[in-house]
Amino acid sequence: MILEREMESPMVQSVRKYRLVLGVLLLLLLVPMSVMAQLTCQGKVVYGTLESKLLPGYPERNYAIYLPKSYERDTTRRYPVLYLLHGGMGSYIDWPQQGNLEGFANEIINSGMAQEMIIVCPDGKMKNTMWFNIEGWPGQDHFFEEFLPYIDSHYRTKTDRGSRAIAGLSMGGGGSIVYATSHPELFSGVYAVSSYVKSNRAFSPPDTQWLQDAVNAHNGIEIFAKATPEQIEAWKNIAWFIDCGDDDFTYDMNIELVSAMRKQQIPYELRIRDGAHTWQYWMTSLYTMLPFVSNVFYENQ
């Protein structure tokens, strides 16, 4: 048979290849168009840049944004939005690249566990990560005065409070708590993972004293412990989810955090899962995070 194949004329070989290609095409025609659309049309992460007039030395800031699969097709539809903050020494590419945001979001949304949403990953990187306002760095002002309005004006987000949530890991988890408590009128839900909410010098390099001072100045535990009655009432309207691994070095501070919330009778959900301060833990948190914020969006419609 091998000898016969080798002795075939070029024309016979061409006919054989043609039949093979034709067979593949016929098989594709048998696949329903809905299945083909499902295979080819998926949500995707894209990258962008915006100008900043507030951040000294950073005239431009990068970001990543996940756009759901119907975004390009349904050009009149608006979507709820989740702001997803990275951790210390990280950047806007962490969740898309190390956390496989696109793959997890598509899987979770396609399975029906969560509704379609826009997910935005801002860049909090300075010398390290600084989501807060400190001397010479108005990081928080930039987010609320430049970044959030830019996203709302350049993408089809739903701009009401009930359609906006915030989440983050480690220092981003602490940042999400500070942002939501500072502006409860803007967020309906918070999902904080492995939150770094107070200084822990045992896990901090000596040259980051300025960073630890900034964290302590925005201590999430004290924010709840020292809250006024008016603040507490406003924060009760936010859906809170605290997620931390049982081997995470932030475990104790997260338990202190929920204890402070509990004393103020602020409702919350708490999950302690097996894991540490790792991307394996954070990426799998998306299986809980996205359904949680999706339900928050549904409840606030």
Protein backbone atom coordinates (compact mmCIF):
# COMPACT_ATOMS: atom_id res chain seq x y z
CA MET A 1 0.00 0.00 0.00
CA ILE A 2 2.85 2.39 0.80
CA LEU A 3 4.40 1.69 -2.61
CA GLU A 4 1.08 2.29 -4.34
CA ARG A 5 0.63 5.62 -2.53
CA GLU A 6 4.12 6.70 -3.55
CA MET A 7 3.39 5.79 -7.18
CA GLU A 8 0.22 7.89 -7.38
CA SER A 9 0.29 10.68 -9.91
CA PRO A 10 0.18 14.32 -8.72
CA MET A 11 -3.37 14.61 -10.04
CA VAL A 12 -4.57 11.65 -7.98
CA GLN A 13 -2.90 13.07 -4.89
CA SER A 14 -4.61 16.42 -5.49
CA VAL A 15 -8.00 14.73 -5.79
CA ARG A 16 -7.38 12.88 -2.54
CA LYS A 17 -6.53 16.14 -0.71
CA TYR A 18 -9.58 17.83 -2.23
CA ARG A 19 -11.85 15.06 -0.94
CA LEU A 20 -10.34 15.39 2.54
CA VAL A 21 -10.90 19.15 2.63
CA LEU A 22 -14.44 18.72 1.29
CA GLY A 23 -15.17 16.17 4.01
CA VAL A 24 -14.01 18.54 6.72
CA LEU A 25 -16.15 21.35 5.30
CA LEU A 26 -19.22 19.11 5.23
CA LEU A 27 -18.67 18.19 8.86
CA LEU A 28 -18.46 21.86 9.80
CA LEU A 29 -21.74 22.51 7.99
CA LEU A 30 -23.39 19.87 10.15
CA VAL A 31 -22.41 21.73 13.34
CA PRO A 32 -25.29 24.03 14.42
CA MET A 33 -24.57 27.70 14.03
CA SER A 34 -25.35 28.27 17.72
CA VAL A 35 -22.59 25.85 18.68
CA MET A 36 -20.16 27.53 16.31
CA ALA A 37 -20.99 30.91 17.80
CA GLN A 38 -20.43 29.52 21.28
CA LEU A 39 -17.02 28.20 20.24
CA THR A 40 -15.82 31.33 18.47
CA CYS A 41 -17.44 34.16 20.45
CA GLN A 42 -16.05 34.48 23.96
CA GLY A 43 -15.41 37.29 26.37
CA LYS A 44 -11.92 38.72 26.18
CA VAL A 45 -9.45 40.84 28.09
CA VAL A 46 -8.18 43.94 26.30
CA TYR A 47 -5.77 46.63 27.43
CA GLY A 48 -5.98 50.39 27.44
CA THR A 49 -4.40 53.62 28.65
CA LEU A 50 -5.82 56.82 30.07
CA GLU A 51 -4.28 60.19 30.82
CA SER A 52 -3.80 61.32 34.40
CA LYS A 53 -3.36 64.88 35.61
CA LEU A 54 -3.32 63.91 39.28
CA LEU A 55 -0.51 61.36 39.58
CA PRO A 56 2.95 63.01 39.64
CA GLY A 57 5.38 61.33 37.27
CA TYR A 58 2.67 59.18 35.71
CA PRO A 59 0.93 61.12 32.91
CA GLU A 60 -0.58 57.86 31.65
CA ARG A 61 -2.03 54.86 33.47
CA ASN A 62 -2.61 51.41 32.03
CA TYR A 63 -5.50 49.10 32.74
CA ALA A 64 -6.94 45.77 31.65
CA ILE A 65 -10.64 45.22 31.04
CA TYR A 66 -12.68 42.06 30.47
CA LEU A 67 -15.52 42.57 28.01
CA PRO A 68 -18.20 39.84 27.91
CA LYS A 69 -18.91 37.86 24.76
CA SER A 70 -22.01 39.85 23.75
CA TYR A 71 -20.29 43.23 24.13
CA GLU A 72 -19.28 43.67 20.47
CA ARG A 73 -22.47 42.14 19.10
CA ASP A 74 -25.09 43.86 21.26
CA THR A 75 -23.95 47.45 20.85
CA THR A 76 -26.80 49.07 22.80
CA ARG A 77 -26.57 46.91 25.89
CA ARG A 78 -25.01 48.17 29.13
CA TYR A 79 -23.35 45.93 31.70
CA PRO A 80 -22.73 45.87 35.46
CA VAL A 81 -19.09 46.39 36.35
CA LEU A 82 -16.66 44.86 38.83
CA TYR A 83 -13.44 46.69 39.71
CA LEU A 84 -10.76 44.12 40.54
CA LEU A 85 -7.65 45.38 42.36
CA HIS A 86 -4.24 43.69 42.36
CA GLY A 87 -1.98 43.18 45.37
CA GLY A 88 1.33 44.55 46.60
CA MET A 89 4.23 44.69 44.14
CA GLY A 90 1.73 43.83 41.40
CA SER A 91 0.15 45.63 38.46
CA TYR A 92 -2.90 45.71 36.21
CA ILE A 93 -1.76 42.61 34.29
CA ASP A 94 -1.76 40.33 37.36
CA TRP A 95 -5.38 39.18 37.30
CA PRO A 96 -5.44 38.65 33.50
CA GLN A 97 -2.09 36.86 33.31
CA GLN A 98 -1.38 35.17 36.64
CA GLY A 99 -5.03 34.79 37.56
CA ASN A 100 -6.27 33.72 34.08
CA LEU A 101 -9.18 36.13 34.44
CA GLU A 102 -10.41 35.67 30.87
CA GLY A 103 -10.55 31.89 31.09
CA PHE A 104 -12.22 31.77 34.50
CA ALA A 105 -14.72 34.53 33.66
CA ASN A 106 -15.76 32.81 30.43
CA GLU A 107 -16.14 29.46 32.15
CA ILE A 108 -18.17 30.86 35.04
CA ILE A 109 -20.41 33.07 32.88
CA ASN A 110 -20.96 30.40 30.19
CA SER A 111 -21.96 27.90 32.88
CA GLY A 112 -24.70 30.25 34.09
CA MET A 113 -23.11 30.73 37.53
CA ALA A 114 -22.81 34.48 36.90
CA GLN A 115 -24.31 37.03 34.55
CA GLU A 116 -22.33 38.87 31.91
CA MET A 117 -20.38 41.77 33.37
CA ILE A 118 -17.45 44.06 32.66
CA ILE A 119 -14.42 43.47 34.88
CA VAL A 120 -11.86 46.27 35.20
CA CYS A 121 -8.29 45.84 36.49
CA PRO A 122 -6.74 49.25 37.29
CA ASP A 123 -3.04 49.85 37.93
CA GLY A 124 -2.18 50.78 41.51
CA LYS A 125 1.56 50.51 41.05
CA MET A 126 3.82 53.28 42.30
CA LYS A 127 7.12 52.32 43.98
CA ASN A 128 5.06 49.46 45.30
CA THR A 129 1.28 49.26 45.30
CA MET A 130 -0.53 52.27 46.69
CA TRP A 131 -4.29 52.50 46.36
CA PHE A 132 -4.50 55.18 49.05
CA ASN A 133 -3.80 58.90 49.22
CA ILE A 134 -0.39 59.59 50.76
CA GLU A 135 1.88 62.60 50.60
CA GLY A 136 2.82 63.18 46.96
CA TRP A 137 0.58 60.40 45.68
CA PRO A 138 -3.22 60.90 45.41
CA GLY A 139 -3.93 57.30 44.42
CA GLN A 140 -7.45 57.23 45.78
CA ASP A 141 -8.35 60.59 44.25
CA HIS A 142 -7.09 59.33 40.89
CA PHE A 143 -9.39 56.31 41.06
CA PHE A 144 -12.54 58.26 41.86
CA GLU A 145 -11.90 61.48 39.95
CA GLU A 146 -10.16 60.17 36.83
CA PHE A 147 -10.26 56.41 36.45
CA LEU A 148 -13.84 55.50 37.32
CA PRO A 149 -15.35 58.36 35.27
CA TYR A 150 -13.11 57.38 32.33
CA ILE A 151 -14.34 53.78 32.37
CA ASP A 152 -17.97 54.88 32.59
CA SER A 153 -17.55 57.27 29.66
CA HIS A 154 -15.56 54.96 27.37
CA TYR A 155 -17.32 51.64 27.96
CA ARG A 156 -20.98 50.68 28.18
CA THR A 157 -21.15 50.27 31.95
CA LYS A 158 -24.24 50.65 34.04
CA THR A 159 -23.42 53.64 36.19
CA ASP A 160 -25.84 53.19 39.08
CA ARG A 161 -24.57 52.03 42.47
CA GLY A 162 -26.46 48.74 42.29
CA SER A 163 -24.53 47.75 39.18
CA ARG A 164 -21.05 48.45 40.54
CA ALA A 165 -18.92 46.29 42.86
CA ILE A 166 -15.29 46.19 43.91
CA ALA A 167 -12.92 43.36 44.85
CA GLY A 168 -9.22 42.80 45.37
CA LEU A 169 -6.50 40.57 46.77
CA SER A 170 -4.05 41.31 49.59
CA MET A 171 -3.36 45.09 49.49
CA GLY A 172 -6.06 45.27 46.83
CA GLY A 173 -8.44 43.60 49.27
CA GLY A 174 -7.57 46.29 51.80
CA GLY A 175 -7.99 48.89 49.09
CA SER A 176 -11.44 47.60 48.15
CA ILE A 177 -12.55 47.93 51.78
CA VAL A 178 -11.21 51.49 52.03
CA TYR A 179 -12.80 52.50 48.71
CA ALA A 180 -16.21 51.07 49.59
CA THR A 181 -16.28 52.56 53.09
CA SER A 182 -15.16 55.92 51.69
CA HIS A 183 -17.83 55.89 48.96
CA PRO A 184 -20.72 53.62 49.94
CA GLU A 185 -22.88 55.55 47.51
CA LEU A 186 -20.88 54.08 44.61
CA PHE A 187 -20.65 50.35 45.42
CA SER A 188 -23.25 47.69 46.18
CA GLY A 189 -20.83 44.84 46.89
CA VAL A 190 -17.29 44.12 48.11
CA TYR A 191 -15.33 40.87 47.79
CA ALA A 192 -12.04 41.06 49.70
CA VAL A 193 -9.54 38.18 49.34
CA SER A 194 -6.55 37.62 51.64
CA SER A 195 -6.92 41.24 52.65
CA TYR A 196 -3.87 43.06 53.97
CA VAL A 197 -5.67 45.48 56.25
CA LYS A 198 -2.97 46.37 58.79
CA SER A 199 0.82 46.36 58.94
CA ASN A 200 2.59 43.04 59.43
CA ARG A 201 6.31 43.77 59.60
CA ALA A 202 7.23 40.09 59.85
CA PHE A 203 6.36 39.83 56.15
CA SER A 204 7.55 43.28 55.03
CA PRO A 205 10.98 44.30 53.68
CA PRO A 206 12.72 46.98 55.79
CA ASP A 207 12.69 49.50 52.94
CA THR A 208 8.88 49.59 52.81
CA GLN A 209 8.27 51.42 56.09
CA TRP A 210 6.47 54.17 54.16
CA LEU A 211 4.14 51.52 52.77
CA GLN A 212 3.39 50.01 56.17
CA ASP A 213 2.70 53.47 57.56
CA ALA A 214 0.20 54.07 54.76
CA VAL A 215 -1.51 50.73 55.42
CA ASN A 216 -1.82 51.53 59.12
CA ALA A 217 -3.24 54.95 58.27
CA HIS A 218 -5.97 53.12 56.34
CA ASN A 219 -6.38 50.20 58.74
CA GLY A 220 -9.56 48.39 57.71
CA ILE A 221 -10.13 46.97 61.19
CA GLU A 222 -10.04 50.42 62.78
CA ILE A 223 -12.25 51.85 60.06
CA PHE A 224 -15.08 49.59 61.24
CA ALA A 225 -14.20 49.81 64.95
CA LYS A 226 -14.25 53.62 64.99
CA ALA A 227 -17.19 54.16 62.65
CA THR A 228 -19.98 56.62 63.39
CA PRO A 229 -23.61 55.45 63.55
CA GLU A 230 -24.23 57.14 60.20
CA GLN A 231 -21.33 55.32 58.57
CA ILE A 232 -22.45 51.98 59.97
CA GLU A 233 -25.94 52.42 58.53
CA ALA A 234 -24.50 53.29 55.12
CA TRP A 235 -22.16 50.27 55.16
CA LYS A 236 -25.01 47.92 56.03
CA ASN A 237 -26.36 48.59 52.54
CA ILE A 238 -23.23 47.04 51.02
CA ALA A 239 -22.95 43.28 50.53
CA TRP A 240 -19.65 42.17 52.12
CA PHE A 241 -17.72 38.97 51.41
CA ILE A 242 -14.45 38.20 53.22
CA ASP A 243 -12.39 35.29 51.82
CA CYS A 244 -9.10 34.04 53.31
CA GLY A 245 -7.02 30.87 53.32
CA ASP A 246 -6.39 28.95 56.52
CA ASP A 247 -2.62 29.04 55.83
CA ASP A 248 -2.53 32.70 54.79
CA PHE A 249 -0.32 35.06 56.83
CA THR A 250 -3.25 37.55 56.73
CA TYR A 251 -5.59 35.06 58.44
CA ASP A 252 -5.48 36.67 61.90
CA MET A 253 -6.04 40.19 60.61
CA ASN A 254 -9.01 39.01 58.53
CA ILE A 255 -10.55 37.41 61.60
CA GLU A 256 -10.03 40.72 63.43
CA LEU A 257 -11.70 42.47 60.49
CA VAL A 258 -14.88 40.41 60.59
CA SER A 259 -14.93 40.66 64.40
CA ALA A 260 -14.98 44.45 64.08
CA MET A 261 -17.79 44.22 61.52
CA ARG A 262 -19.67 41.80 63.73
CA LYS A 263 -19.49 44.15 66.74
CA GLN A 264 -21.05 46.88 64.59
CA GLN A 265 -23.74 44.43 63.41
CA ILE A 266 -22.71 44.87 59.77
CA PRO A 267 -23.80 41.76 57.81
CA TYR A 268 -21.07 39.87 55.96
CA GLU A 269 -20.20 36.51 54.48
CA LEU A 270 -16.99 34.80 55.54
CA ARG A 271 -15.21 31.90 53.84
CA ILE A 272 -12.09 30.22 55.17
CA ARG A 273 -10.77 27.81 52.56
CA ASP A 274 -7.74 25.58 52.38
CA GLY A 275 -4.88 27.65 50.99
CA ALA A 276 -2.28 30.35 51.46
CA HIS A 277 -1.27 33.73 50.05
CA THR A 278 -0.90 32.37 46.50
CA TRP A 279 -2.31 32.73 43.02
CA GLN A 280 -3.68 29.21 43.23
CA TYR A 281 -5.94 30.49 46.01
CA TRP A 282 -6.80 33.81 44.41
CA MET A 283 -7.66 32.49 40.96
CA THR A 284 -10.00 29.87 42.42
CA SER A 285 -11.69 32.61 44.46
CA LEU A 286 -13.23 33.73 41.17
CA TYR A 287 -15.57 30.71 41.39
CA THR A 288 -17.11 32.36 44.45
CA MET A 289 -16.45 36.02 43.67
CA LEU A 290 -18.20 36.31 40.31
CA PRO A 291 -21.41 34.49 41.35
CA PHE A 292 -21.48 36.61 44.53
CA VAL A 293 -21.24 39.96 42.76
CA SER A 294 -23.62 38.72 40.07
CA ASN A 295 -26.24 38.00 42.73
CA VAL A 296 -25.59 41.43 44.24
CA PHE A 297 -26.27 43.00 40.84
CA TYR A 298 -29.49 40.98 40.43
CA GLU A 299 -30.70 41.97 43.89
CA ASN A 300 -30.13 45.65 43.14
CA GLN A 301 -31.89 45.75 39.78
